[in-house]
C-alpha cells in the first residue's frame, strides 16, 4: 500500500513539473493562458472500517485547469494585430462557411492570397455583417462570416459641382478681360486649380483665372471676371447661361454684350462685391460650363461622357484689402479607390480606407464568451473548442456588455509569470524528491523484513 501512495505522489509531482515546464515553454506565446495542476487526496473506506484510523491512499490529479486572466498588451506596427482588453474570445473557422468554430485570444491576423483576414494557421477570422453606416445587422454566431478586404472601392463618379471660397485682393491692379490669355500671366491677377473627374474616373485639372477689369469699381460696387480651363484648354460658359457682363460706367447696370467675350473667344462670369467686400452675386447667376467633350474644351478621353458639364459655386467669397487666398476648394466626383489602410476600432468595426478618400465599413469582429471558460477543450495553436462543461458560445460585439474592447496594433502576451513558475518548479522538484525518498524508505523496510531470520 505504501508503495502505491509513494508512486501516486511521484506521478502527481511529475504532472506538476510537466505543467510548470509547459507554462515556461510558452512564456512568449501570444494569447497563451497558463495552466495549474490541481490535486486531490485519494481516500477509500467501507462502512465496517474505522474511519478514524484509515490512512489515505495517496494523491491524484483532479484537473489541469487553465487560468484565463488578462495578459499584458504588446503594441506593434501592424494594424491587423488585435488584442482583447477584457473578456471574450475571437472566433475562427478552418473553412469559409464552416460552423465548426475555434476560439482564441491570439490576435495576430494577416491577409491570405485572397485578401481574407486569417491567423497564422490559415483559419478565417469570423465577423458580423454591417450596413453602409457600420451598424451590425446581426450578432448571432450562425451569421458570422470571414471578412475579405476589397482592393478597390466604389465606381467612378463624374464631377458635377465645384465649390470655391477665396479672397480677392481689393488692391490688385486691373487688366482688360478682352486681352485675357492663360499663357500670359500679365493678363490676369490670380488663378487656382482643382482636380475633377470624368465619368471613367480619369482626373483632369480645372483652373479658374481671376481678372480685375478697369473701371469696374464704383461707389458701393466692385466686379471681377472669372475664366475657366480644363487641362489648359478653354472651357466656356453654357450658351444657355450667357457670358460675363459687368458694369463699367457705375450706373448699377451691366453694359450689355460689349464685353461678353475676350479677343481670344473666352467666355467668363462676372463676380460682384459690395463696399464691405461681401459677395453679392454673379452674372450669370448660375455659372455652368458647356459640355466638356463636345466642342468647347474637348478634353475628355475616349469613352467618357462627352456631355459632362461643371457647375461652379462661389461659396461666399470676399474682396478685402488682403492678399489672394483660397479658403475652400471642393468637388463632388471620385475615381476608383485603391486600398491604402485597414483600421479596427475599439468596438471591432473594420474600416478600409482608399486612395479616393472614401472609408468603407466592412464588418465587425465577432467576440464570444462562455459561462465556464475553464470547461473549454484545448485544440492547440492557442485555441479552444466549446464543450458541455464550458456551455455554448454566447456571441456579442466588442466594447459592449461584458465583452472587452479591441485594441488594434496590439497583441495579448502570455499571462505566465516567469518568476512564479520558477518558484513552482523548485517546489515541484522538492515534492518529487520527497516522494522518491518515501519510495526508497519503503523499499528499505521491505528489504529489512525479508531479511529477518
Protein backbone atom coordinates (compact mmCIF):
# COMPACT_ATOMS: atom_id res chain seq x y z
CA UNK A 1 0.00 0.00 0.00
CA UNK A 2 2.75 2.43 0.94
CA UNK A 3 4.43 1.81 -2.41
CA UNK A 4 1.25 2.92 -4.23
CA UNK A 5 0.99 6.04 -2.08
CA UNK A 6 4.59 6.99 -2.87
CA UNK A 7 4.08 6.26 -6.57
CA UNK A 8 0.95 8.45 -6.67
CA UNK A 9 2.95 11.25 -5.10
CA UNK A 10 5.74 10.85 -7.68
CA UNK A 11 3.18 10.77 -10.51
CA UNK A 12 1.48 13.94 -9.23
CA UNK A 13 4.82 15.68 -8.74
CA UNK A 14 5.72 14.76 -12.32
CA UNK A 15 2.40 16.16 -13.54
CA UNK A 16 3.15 19.39 -11.66
CA UNK A 17 6.61 19.53 -13.23
CA UNK A 18 5.17 18.94 -16.72
CA UNK A 19 2.55 21.65 -16.24
CA UNK A 20 5.14 24.15 -15.00
CA UNK A 21 7.51 23.26 -17.84
CA UNK A 22 4.73 23.81 -20.39
CA UNK A 23 3.97 27.23 -18.90
CA UNK A 24 7.64 28.22 -19.06
CA UNK A 25 7.95 26.94 -22.65
CA UNK A 26 5.03 29.18 -23.73
CA UNK A 27 6.06 32.32 -21.87
CA UNK A 28 6.38 34.14 -25.23
CA UNK A 29 3.40 32.53 -26.98
CA UNK A 30 0.84 35.17 -27.99
CA UNK A 31 -2.53 34.63 -26.32
CA UNK A 32 -1.33 31.65 -24.25
CA UNK A 33 -3.07 31.00 -20.92
CA UNK A 34 -1.12 29.36 -18.13
CA UNK A 35 -2.22 26.06 -16.60
CA UNK A 36 -2.35 24.94 -13.00
CA UNK A 37 -2.21 21.34 -11.87
CA UNK A 38 -4.86 20.71 -9.23
CA UNK A 39 -4.66 17.66 -6.95
CA UNK A 40 -6.99 15.77 -4.61
CA UNK A 41 -6.31 13.12 -1.99
CA UNK A 42 -7.33 9.50 -2.53
CA UNK A 43 -9.42 8.08 0.28
CA UNK A 44 -11.48 4.90 0.50
CA UNK A 45 -13.33 3.42 3.48
CA UNK A 46 -16.08 0.85 3.88
CA UNK A 47 -18.96 1.03 6.35
CA UNK A 48 -17.26 -1.61 8.51
CA UNK A 49 -13.90 0.21 8.67
CA UNK A 50 -12.85 2.61 11.37
CA UNK A 51 -12.59 5.88 9.51
CA UNK A 52 -10.62 7.42 12.37
CA UNK A 53 -7.73 5.09 11.76
CA UNK A 54 -7.96 4.70 7.99
CA UNK A 55 -4.95 6.09 6.10
CA UNK A 56 -5.43 7.84 2.76
CA UNK A 57 -4.48 6.17 -0.48
CA UNK A 58 -2.24 8.91 -1.86
CA UNK A 59 -2.89 11.72 -4.32
CA UNK A 60 -4.48 12.04 -7.77
CA UNK A 61 -4.51 14.81 -10.38
CA UNK A 62 -8.05 16.16 -10.40
CA UNK A 63 -7.61 18.67 -13.21
CA UNK A 64 -5.07 20.70 -15.17
CA UNK A 65 -7.01 23.97 -15.20
CA UNK A 66 -6.15 26.88 -17.45
CA UNK A 67 -6.17 30.36 -15.94
CA UNK A 68 -7.84 32.91 -18.22
CA UNK A 69 -6.77 36.14 -16.53
CA UNK A 70 -5.64 39.01 -18.74
CA UNK A 71 -2.15 39.02 -20.22
CA UNK A 72 -0.21 42.23 -20.78
CA UNK A 73 -0.51 44.03 -24.13
CA UNK A 74 2.38 44.39 -26.54
CA UNK A 75 1.96 47.13 -29.13
CA UNK A 76 3.02 46.57 -32.74
CA UNK A 77 3.11 48.43 -36.06
CA UNK A 78 0.61 46.11 -37.75
CA UNK A 79 -2.96 47.43 -37.75
CA UNK A 80 -4.28 43.87 -38.30
CA UNK A 81 -2.88 42.76 -34.93
CA UNK A 82 -5.67 42.80 -32.34
CA UNK A 83 -5.85 42.27 -28.60
CA UNK A 84 -8.93 41.94 -26.42
CA UNK A 85 -8.73 44.20 -23.40
CA UNK A 86 -11.23 42.44 -21.15
CA UNK A 87 -13.43 39.39 -21.61
CA UNK A 88 -14.13 37.47 -24.78
CA UNK A 89 -12.56 35.32 -27.49
CA UNK A 90 -12.01 35.79 -31.21
CA UNK A 91 -13.85 33.31 -33.44
CA UNK A 92 -12.12 31.46 -36.28
CA UNK A 93 -13.07 28.72 -38.71
CA UNK A 94 -10.89 26.48 -40.85
CA UNK A 95 -13.07 26.87 -43.96
CA UNK A 96 -15.35 29.51 -45.45
CA UNK A 97 -18.94 28.76 -44.47
CA UNK A 98 -17.95 26.24 -41.80
CA UNK A 99 -19.81 26.29 -38.48
CA UNK A 100 -17.00 24.37 -36.76
CA UNK A 101 -15.61 27.30 -34.79
CA UNK A 102 -12.48 27.63 -32.72
CA UNK A 103 -11.91 30.34 -30.13
CA UNK A 104 -8.70 32.16 -29.37
CA UNK A 105 -7.18 35.17 -27.63
CA UNK A 106 -4.25 35.31 -30.09
CA UNK A 107 -4.98 38.21 -32.45
CA UNK A 108 -2.03 38.03 -34.86
CA UNK A 109 -4.04 38.29 -38.09
CA UNK A 110 -2.89 38.89 -41.64
CA UNK A 111 -4.13 38.71 -45.27
CA UNK A 112 -4.10 35.49 -47.25
CA UNK A 113 -3.73 35.33 -51.04
CA UNK A 114 -7.42 36.25 -51.48
CA UNK A 115 -7.34 39.18 -49.03
CA UNK A 116 -9.19 37.32 -46.28
CA UNK A 117 -8.12 38.01 -42.70
CA UNK A 118 -6.60 34.82 -41.29
CA UNK A 119 -4.43 33.74 -38.36
CA UNK A 120 -1.01 32.10 -38.60
CA UNK A 121 -2.62 28.68 -39.20
CA UNK A 122 -4.79 29.99 -42.05
CA UNK A 123 -8.04 29.98 -40.05
CA UNK A 124 -10.54 32.65 -41.09
CA UNK A 125 -11.47 35.42 -38.64
CA UNK A 126 -15.25 35.48 -38.20
CA UNK A 127 -17.13 38.80 -38.25
CA UNK A 128 -20.67 40.17 -38.05
CA UNK A 129 -22.09 41.74 -41.25
CA UNK A 130 -22.69 45.52 -41.15
CA UNK A 131 -24.70 48.03 -43.18
CA UNK A 132 -23.25 51.02 -45.05
CA UNK A 133 -23.23 53.04 -41.81
CA UNK A 134 -21.23 50.41 -39.93
CA UNK A 135 -24.12 49.11 -37.79
CA UNK A 136 -24.24 45.36 -37.20
CA UNK A 137 -27.16 43.69 -38.95
CA UNK A 138 -26.85 40.53 -36.81
CA UNK A 139 -24.95 39.43 -33.70
CA UNK A 140 -25.69 35.71 -33.99
CA UNK A 141 -22.77 33.30 -34.19
CA UNK A 142 -24.51 31.43 -37.02
CA UNK A 143 -24.45 34.54 -39.24
CA UNK A 144 -20.74 35.27 -38.83
CA UNK A 145 -18.60 35.13 -41.94
CA UNK A 146 -14.97 35.67 -42.94
CA UNK A 147 -14.04 39.23 -43.89
CA UNK A 148 -12.43 39.92 -47.26
CA UNK A 149 -10.80 43.31 -47.83
CA UNK A 150 -11.52 44.68 -51.35
CA UNK A 151 -8.54 46.14 -53.23
CA UNK A 152 -10.73 48.82 -54.78
CA UNK A 153 -13.71 50.86 -53.61
CA UNK A 154 -16.72 52.08 -55.50
CA UNK A 155 -17.30 53.12 -59.09
CA UNK A 156 -16.11 56.39 -60.64
CA UNK A 157 -18.42 59.38 -60.19
CA UNK A 158 -18.02 62.27 -62.57
CA UNK A 159 -17.68 65.77 -61.17
CA UNK A 160 -20.82 67.88 -61.47
CA UNK A 161 -20.24 70.62 -58.92
CA UNK A 162 -17.17 72.57 -57.89
CA UNK A 163 -17.22 74.84 -54.85
CA UNK A 164 -14.83 77.73 -54.31
CA UNK A 165 -14.27 80.17 -51.48
CA UNK A 166 -11.50 82.73 -51.67
CA UNK A 167 -10.48 86.30 -51.01
CA UNK A 168 -9.73 88.56 -53.98
CA UNK A 169 -7.36 91.43 -53.19
CA UNK A 170 -9.24 94.72 -53.43
CA UNK A 171 -5.94 96.49 -54.07
CA UNK A 172 -4.88 94.43 -57.09
CA UNK A 173 -4.10 96.20 -60.35
CA UNK A 174 -6.55 95.95 -63.22
CA UNK A 175 -6.40 94.15 -66.57
CA UNK A 176 -8.63 94.30 -69.61
CA UNK A 177 -10.55 91.00 -69.77
CA UNK A 178 -10.64 91.30 -73.55
CA UNK A 179 -6.89 90.63 -73.57
CA UNK A 180 -7.03 87.58 -71.28
CA UNK A 181 -4.55 84.85 -72.22
CA UNK A 182 -3.93 81.96 -69.79
CA UNK A 183 -0.40 81.61 -71.13
CA UNK A 184 0.40 85.23 -70.28
CA UNK A 185 0.45 85.94 -66.52
CA UNK A 186 0.36 89.66 -67.28
CA UNK A 187 -3.28 89.37 -68.43
CA UNK A 188 -4.84 88.09 -65.18
CA UNK A 189 -4.44 88.65 -61.45
CA UNK A 190 -4.65 85.18 -59.83
CA UNK A 191 -5.54 81.57 -60.52
CA UNK A 192 -6.40 78.40 -58.59
CA UNK A 193 -6.84 74.75 -59.62
CA UNK A 194 -8.82 71.71 -58.52
CA UNK A 195 -8.76 68.10 -59.70
CA UNK A 196 -12.06 66.95 -61.22
CA UNK A 197 -13.05 63.57 -62.69
CA UNK A 198 -14.79 62.41 -65.83
CA UNK A 199 -17.29 59.52 -65.97
CA UNK A 200 -14.46 56.97 -66.19
CA UNK A 201 -12.70 58.31 -63.12
CA UNK A 202 -9.92 59.93 -65.15
CA UNK A 203 -8.57 63.02 -63.33
CA UNK A 204 -8.42 66.41 -65.02
CA UNK A 205 -7.22 69.75 -63.68
CA UNK A 206 -9.71 72.62 -63.82
CA UNK A 207 -8.14 76.05 -63.41
CA UNK A 208 -10.02 79.25 -62.60
CA UNK A 209 -8.43 82.59 -63.59
CA UNK A 210 -9.47 85.86 -61.94
CA UNK A 211 -9.24 89.22 -63.71
CA UNK A 212 -10.00 92.61 -62.17
CA UNK A 213 -11.29 94.81 -65.03
CA UNK A 214 -10.59 98.55 -65.30
CA UNK A 215 -13.46 100.92 -64.47
CA UNK A 216 -15.21 98.11 -62.64
CA UNK A 217 -15.02 99.67 -59.17
CA UNK A 218 -17.62 102.27 -58.30
CA UNK A 219 -19.31 103.52 -55.18
CA UNK A 220 -20.74 100.53 -53.35
CA UNK A 221 -19.78 98.01 -56.03
CA UNK A 222 -16.79 96.11 -57.39
CA UNK A 223 -16.54 93.46 -60.11
CA UNK A 224 -14.19 90.69 -61.14
CA UNK A 225 -14.25 88.30 -64.11
CA UNK A 226 -13.52 84.54 -63.85
CA UNK A 227 -12.40 82.36 -66.78
CA UNK A 228 -12.11 78.57 -66.79
CA UNK A 229 -9.84 75.95 -68.37
CA UNK A 230 -9.62 72.16 -68.08
CA UNK A 231 -6.19 70.63 -68.69
CA UNK A 232 -5.17 74.00 -70.12
CA UNK A 233 -7.94 74.00 -72.72
CA UNK A 234 -10.60 76.68 -72.92
CA UNK A 235 -13.93 75.92 -71.22
CA UNK A 236 -16.69 78.42 -71.95
CA UNK A 237 -19.92 79.01 -70.13
CA UNK A 238 -23.00 77.13 -71.23
CA UNK A 239 -24.55 79.24 -74.00
CA UNK A 240 -27.88 78.97 -72.17
CA UNK A 241 -26.41 80.72 -69.14
CA UNK A 242 -24.82 83.59 -71.03
CA UNK A 243 -21.39 85.15 -70.56
CA UNK A 244 -19.87 87.70 -68.24
CA UNK A 245 -21.29 91.24 -68.36
CA UNK A 246 -20.06 93.93 -65.97
CA UNK A 247 -20.91 97.49 -65.08
CA UNK A 248 -18.08 99.70 -66.30
CA UNK A 249 -19.92 103.00 -66.09
CA UNK A 250 -21.10 102.95 -62.49
CA UNK A 251 -24.80 103.24 -63.21
CA UNK A 252 -25.51 99.98 -61.41
CA UNK A 253 -26.43 98.08 -64.57
CA UNK A 254 -24.38 95.71 -66.76
CA UNK A 255 -23.32 97.29 -70.01
CA UNK A 256 -24.74 94.68 -72.32
CA UNK A 257 -22.91 92.30 -74.64
CA UNK A 258 -20.00 94.58 -75.45
CA UNK A 259 -17.65 92.76 -73.07
CA UNK A 260 -19.22 89.31 -73.29
CA UNK A 261 -16.15 87.73 -74.89
CA UNK A 262 -12.39 88.18 -74.92
CA UNK A 263 -10.39 88.76 -78.06
CA UNK A 264 -9.42 85.07 -77.91
CA UNK A 265 -13.05 83.97 -77.70
CA UNK A 266 -13.03 83.14 -73.99
CA UNK A 267 -16.30 83.49 -72.13
CA UNK A 268 -16.34 84.02 -68.37
CA UNK A 269 -18.51 85.02 -65.42
CA UNK A 270 -18.68 88.33 -63.56
CA UNK A 271 -18.40 88.26 -59.75
CA UNK A 272 -19.74 91.24 -57.75
CA UNK A 273 -18.94 92.53 -54.25
CA UNK A 274 -20.38 95.38 -52.18
CA UNK A 275 -18.47 98.13 -50.37
CA UNK A 276 -17.74 95.85 -47.38
CA UNK A 277 -16.13 93.20 -49.55
CA UNK A 278 -19.07 90.76 -49.27
CA UNK A 279 -20.19 88.65 -52.22
CA UNK A 280 -23.40 89.94 -53.82
CA UNK A 281 -23.76 87.56 -56.77
CA UNK A 282 -22.53 86.64 -60.19
CA UNK A 283 -23.51 87.19 -63.79
CA UNK A 284 -24.74 84.74 -64.96
CA UNK A 285 -26.41 83.77 -61.66
CA UNK A 286 -25.75 80.05 -62.26
CA UNK A 287 -22.24 79.55 -63.58
CA UNK A 288 -22.28 76.41 -65.70
CA UNK A 289 -19.79 75.32 -68.34
CA UNK A 290 -20.65 73.96 -71.72
CA UNK A 291 -20.11 70.24 -72.46
CA UNK A 292 -16.51 69.25 -71.89
CA UNK A 293 -16.38 66.63 -74.62
CA UNK A 294 -18.49 68.21 -77.35
CA UNK A 295 -16.87 71.22 -78.98
CA UNK A 296 -15.58 73.54 -76.26
CA UNK A 297 -12.72 72.10 -74.28
CA UNK A 298 -12.87 68.61 -75.81
CA UNK A 299 -10.53 67.37 -73.08
CA UNK A 300 -12.22 64.10 -72.10
CA UNK A 301 -10.72 60.81 -73.18
CA UNK A 302 -12.35 58.16 -75.39
CA UNK A 303 -15.38 56.51 -73.82
CA UNK A 304 -16.06 59.24 -71.26
CA UNK A 305 -19.38 61.08 -71.08
CA UNK A 306 -18.91 63.89 -73.60
CA UNK A 307 -21.96 65.77 -72.31
CA UNK A 308 -20.39 66.33 -68.88
CA UNK A 309 -20.69 69.91 -67.61
CA UNK A 310 -19.50 71.66 -64.46
CA UNK A 311 -21.49 73.95 -62.20
CA UNK A 312 -19.28 76.47 -60.38
CA UNK A 313 -20.46 77.57 -56.96
CA UNK A 314 -18.88 80.58 -55.27
CA UNK A 315 -19.37 79.94 -51.56
CA UNK A 316 -19.42 83.49 -50.19
CA UNK A 317 -16.07 84.70 -51.49
CA UNK A 318 -14.75 88.02 -50.21
CA UNK A 319 -12.91 91.06 -51.55
CA UNK A 320 -10.78 92.51 -48.78
CA UNK A 321 -7.61 94.56 -48.87
CA UNK A 322 -5.51 91.47 -48.21
CA UNK A 323 -3.60 89.02 -50.44
CA UNK A 324 -5.35 86.49 -52.64
CA UNK A 325 -6.18 83.36 -50.61
CA UNK A 326 -8.20 80.22 -51.36
CA UNK A 327 -10.00 79.01 -48.22
CA UNK A 328 -12.16 76.25 -49.73
CA UNK A 329 -11.95 74.19 -52.89
CA UNK A 330 -14.26 71.18 -53.27
CA UNK A 331 -15.67 68.90 -55.96
CA UNK A 332 -18.16 66.01 -55.83
CA UNK A 333 -16.52 63.49 -58.19
CA UNK A 334 -14.49 60.43 -57.28
CA UNK A 335 -12.21 57.99 -59.02
CA UNK A 336 -11.77 54.30 -58.24
CA UNK A 337 -10.10 53.99 -54.84
CA UNK A 338 -7.14 51.74 -54.13
CA UNK A 339 -6.72 50.21 -50.70
CA UNK A 340 -4.40 52.31 -48.52
CA UNK A 341 -5.17 51.28 -44.94
CA UNK A 342 -7.25 48.97 -42.74
CA UNK A 343 -8.25 50.07 -39.25
CA UNK A 344 -10.07 48.27 -36.44
CA UNK A 345 -11.95 50.32 -33.84
CA UNK A 346 -12.41 49.57 -30.15
CA UNK A 347 -15.88 48.22 -30.99
CA UNK A 348 -14.40 45.83 -33.56
CA UNK A 349 -15.57 47.74 -36.64
CA UNK A 350 -13.21 47.10 -39.55
CA UNK A 351 -12.85 50.13 -41.83
CA UNK A 352 -10.94 50.16 -45.11
CA UNK A 353 -9.53 53.45 -46.40
CA UNK A 354 -8.96 54.04 -50.10
CA UNK A 355 -6.92 56.45 -52.20
CA UNK A 356 -10.02 58.31 -53.39
CA UNK A 357 -10.66 59.47 -49.83
CA UNK A 358 -13.50 57.05 -49.11
CA UNK A 359 -13.72 54.97 -45.95
CA UNK A 360 -15.83 51.81 -46.18
CA UNK A 361 -17.09 49.84 -43.12
CA UNK A 362 -16.62 46.17 -44.00
CA UNK A 363 -17.54 44.09 -40.95
CA UNK A 364 -17.41 43.95 -37.16
CA UNK A 365 -15.17 41.48 -35.34
CA UNK A 366 -17.25 38.83 -33.56
CA UNK A 367 -16.48 38.03 -29.92
CA UNK A 368 -17.85 35.21 -27.78
CA UNK A 369 -17.88 34.37 -24.07
CA UNK A 370 -18.66 31.24 -22.05
CA UNK A 371 -20.34 30.54 -18.74
CA UNK A 372 -17.35 28.40 -17.72
CA UNK A 373 -14.13 29.26 -19.52
CA UNK A 374 -12.19 26.50 -17.73
CA UNK A 375 -14.54 23.98 -19.31
CA UNK A 376 -13.18 24.76 -22.79
CA UNK A 377 -11.29 21.98 -24.56
CA UNK A 378 -7.81 22.83 -25.79
CA UNK A 379 -7.36 22.41 -29.55
CA UNK A 380 -3.76 23.53 -29.99
CA UNK A 381 -2.44 26.60 -31.78
CA UNK A 382 -3.57 28.67 -28.77
CA UNK A 383 -7.23 27.93 -29.46
CA UNK A 384 -10.10 26.16 -27.73
CA UNK A 385 -13.33 24.37 -28.57
CA UNK A 386 -16.66 24.59 -26.77
CA UNK A 387 -17.66 21.60 -24.64
CA UNK A 388 -20.52 20.52 -22.39
CA UNK A 389 -18.58 21.84 -19.40
CA UNK A 390 -17.99 25.28 -20.94
CA UNK A 391 -21.55 25.80 -22.13
CA UNK A 392 -22.47 27.22 -25.56
CA UNK A 393 -20.69 30.20 -27.05
CA UNK A 394 -22.54 33.49 -26.46
CA UNK A 395 -21.76 35.98 -29.24
CA UNK A 396 -21.67 39.76 -28.97
CA UNK A 397 -19.96 42.98 -30.01
CA UNK A 398 -16.73 44.26 -28.55
CA UNK A 399 -16.88 47.11 -26.04
CA UNK A 400 -20.44 46.25 -25.01
CA UNK A 401 -21.86 44.40 -22.03
CA UNK A 402 -19.33 42.01 -20.52
CA UNK A 403 -17.21 41.94 -23.67
CA UNK A 404 -13.87 43.73 -23.65
CA UNK A 405 -12.69 46.34 -26.13
CA UNK A 406 -10.41 45.60 -29.07
CA UNK A 407 -7.02 47.26 -29.26
CA UNK A 408 -5.70 47.46 -32.80
CA UNK A 409 -1.93 47.24 -33.41
CA UNK A 410 -1.52 45.23 -30.20
CA UNK A 411 -1.15 41.61 -29.13
CA UNK A 412 -2.01 39.98 -25.83
CA UNK A 413 1.08 38.33 -24.40
CA UNK A 414 1.15 35.10 -22.42
CA UNK A 415 -0.20 35.53 -18.88
CA UNK A 416 2.60 33.36 -17.49
CA UNK A 417 4.58 34.94 -14.63
CA UNK A 418 8.06 33.51 -15.14
CA UNK A 419 9.21 34.25 -11.58
CA UNK A 420 6.25 32.40 -10.10
CA UNK A 421 6.78 29.46 -12.43
CA UNK A 422 10.44 29.13 -11.43
CA UNK A 423 9.43 29.05 -7.77
CA UNK A 424 6.77 26.43 -8.58
CA UNK A 425 9.41 24.45 -10.45
CA UNK A 426 11.59 24.28 -7.33
CA UNK A 427 8.59 23.30 -5.23
CA UNK A 428 7.59 20.52 -7.65
CA UNK A 429 11.18 19.29 -7.72
CA UNK A 430 11.30 19.10 -3.92
CA UNK A 431 7.96 17.30 -3.91
CA UNK A 432 9.27 14.77 -6.42
CA UNK A 433 12.40 14.21 -4.37
CA UNK A 434 10.40 13.76 -1.15
CA UNK A 435 8.11 11.17 -2.72
CA UNK A 436 11.12 9.39 -4.19
CA UNK A 437 12.61 9.28 -0.72
CA UNK A 438 9.35 7.79 0.60
CA UNK A 439 9.57 5.08 -2.03
CA UNK A 440 13.19 4.42 -1.09
CA UNK A 441 12.35 4.14 2.63
CA UNK A 442 9.50 1.74 1.88
CA UNK A 443 11.85 -0.37 -0.17
CA UNK A 444 14.37 -0.43 2.66
CA UNK A 445 11.71 -1.53 5.15
CA UNK A 446 10.51 -4.28 2.84
CA UNK A 447 14.09 -5.44 2.42
CA UNK A 448 14.59 -5.48 6.19
CA UNK A 449 11.50 -7.62 6.69
CA UNK A 450 12.60 -10.08 4.04
CA UNK A 451 15.99 -10.46 5.68
CA UNK A 452 14.62 -11.42 9.13
CA UNK A 453 15.78 -14.88 10.10
